[in-house]
Amino acid sequence: EQWKSHTTDRLVDTLLKLENQEEYLETLSYLKEMIANDNYEMFASDYPIDAVQDENGCWVDDVIVHMVKCKKCGALIYCYCDTYHGKGNLTIGK
């Protein structure tokens, strides 16, 4: 699925639609692996990947965003989750 970013005119591809909060946590684990393998770096985030839930397991915010950047080509991967409704997506900029 392609759509125009609301902040730029660049096309982006939706890699994954997140249907629940568990899928969001799995996606964050995947992003952590990408960063640990040294191919990607954290570009921007609302909260550290390991700090999206408090000590009681409650979400720290209703909407959480993480962006990682490929060190080779500069592509940005954008992970968005509406934790209140349990929906989100993982997209890559072109």
Protein backbone atom coordinates (compact mmCIF):
# COMPACT_ATOMS: atom_id res chain seq x y z
CA GLU A 1 0.00 0.00 0.00
CA GLN A 2 1.41 3.40 -0.93
CA TRP A 3 0.28 6.78 0.27
CA LYS A 4 1.66 10.29 0.45
CA SER A 5 3.12 11.28 3.77
CA HIS A 6 1.18 14.12 5.38
CA THR A 7 4.46 15.86 6.29
CA THR A 8 6.26 15.50 2.94
CA ASP A 9 5.38 14.73 -0.65
CA ARG A 10 7.45 11.54 -0.61
CA LEU A 11 5.76 8.20 -1.14
CA VAL A 12 5.93 5.74 1.70
CA ASP A 13 5.17 2.01 1.80
CA THR A 14 3.26 0.41 4.63
CA LEU A 15 5.31 -2.61 5.64
CA LEU A 16 3.03 -3.85 8.39
CA LYS A 17 -0.30 -2.88 9.88
CA LEU A 18 -0.35 -3.38 13.63
CA GLU A 19 -3.67 -4.79 14.80
CA ASN A 20 -3.02 -4.96 18.54
CA GLN A 21 -0.60 -3.95 21.27
CA GLU A 22 1.20 -7.31 21.25
CA GLU A 23 2.11 -6.81 17.59
CA TYR A 24 3.49 -3.39 18.53
CA LEU A 25 5.74 -4.93 21.21
CA GLU A 26 6.92 -7.59 18.73
CA THR A 27 7.71 -4.84 16.22
CA LEU A 28 9.72 -2.95 18.84
CA SER A 29 11.73 -6.11 19.51
CA TYR A 30 12.44 -6.33 15.78
CA LEU A 31 13.57 -2.68 15.70
CA LYS A 32 15.89 -3.35 18.67
CA GLU A 33 17.46 -6.25 16.74
CA MET A 34 17.97 -4.04 13.70
CA ILE A 35 19.75 -1.45 15.84
CA ALA A 36 21.79 -4.08 17.72
CA ASN A 37 23.00 -5.55 14.40
CA ASP A 38 24.47 -2.10 13.71
CA ASN A 39 22.71 -1.69 10.37
CA TYR A 40 20.27 0.91 11.70
CA GLU A 41 20.31 3.69 14.25
CA MET A 42 17.58 5.34 16.28
CA PHE A 43 16.70 8.53 14.43
CA ALA A 44 13.88 9.86 16.63
CA SER A 45 11.50 8.54 19.25
CA ASP A 46 8.95 9.71 21.75
CA TYR A 47 10.30 7.26 24.35
CA PRO A 48 13.16 4.76 24.48
CA ILE A 49 12.13 1.38 23.06
CA ASP A 50 12.54 -0.23 26.48
CA ALA A 51 10.42 2.43 28.21
CA VAL A 52 7.04 2.35 26.43
CA GLN A 53 5.39 0.79 29.48
CA ASP A 54 5.79 1.74 33.12
CA GLU A 55 6.61 -0.67 35.96
CA ASN A 56 2.90 -1.61 36.19
CA GLY A 57 2.68 -2.48 32.47
CA CYS A 58 0.68 0.66 31.61
CA TRP A 59 1.51 2.51 28.41
CA VAL A 60 3.42 5.75 28.95
CA ASP A 61 1.35 7.56 26.31
CA ASP A 62 -1.64 7.05 24.02
CA VAL A 63 0.47 7.49 20.87
CA ILE A 64 4.10 6.43 20.58
CA VAL A 65 6.41 6.91 17.59
CA HIS A 66 9.86 5.50 16.82
CA MET A 67 11.97 6.16 13.73
CA VAL A 68 15.09 4.22 12.76
CA LYS A 69 17.44 5.08 9.94
CA CYS A 70 19.42 2.75 7.69
CA LYS A 71 23.12 3.55 8.02
CA LYS A 72 23.78 2.54 4.39
CA CYS A 73 21.04 4.21 2.38
CA GLY A 74 19.43 6.62 4.85
CA ALA A 75 15.93 5.14 4.51
CA LEU A 76 13.70 5.91 7.47
CA ILE A 77 11.49 3.28 9.05
CA TYR A 78 8.61 4.80 10.98
CA CYS A 79 6.78 2.84 13.69
CA TYR A 80 3.55 4.40 14.96
CA CYS A 81 1.24 2.93 17.58
CA ASP A 82 -2.00 4.24 19.03
CA THR A 83 -1.69 2.32 22.30
CA TYR A 84 -5.14 3.37 23.44
CA HIS A 85 -6.86 1.66 20.49
CA GLY A 86 -4.12 -0.91 19.84
CA LYS A 87 -3.61 0.00 16.17
CA GLY A 88 -0.58 1.25 14.30
CA ASN A 89 1.75 0.68 11.39
CA LEU A 90 5.32 0.26 10.31
CA THR A 91 6.26 2.22 7.20
CA ILE A 92 9.40 2.94 5.22
CA GLY A 93 10.10 6.21 3.43
CA LYS A 94 11.18 6.24 -0.20
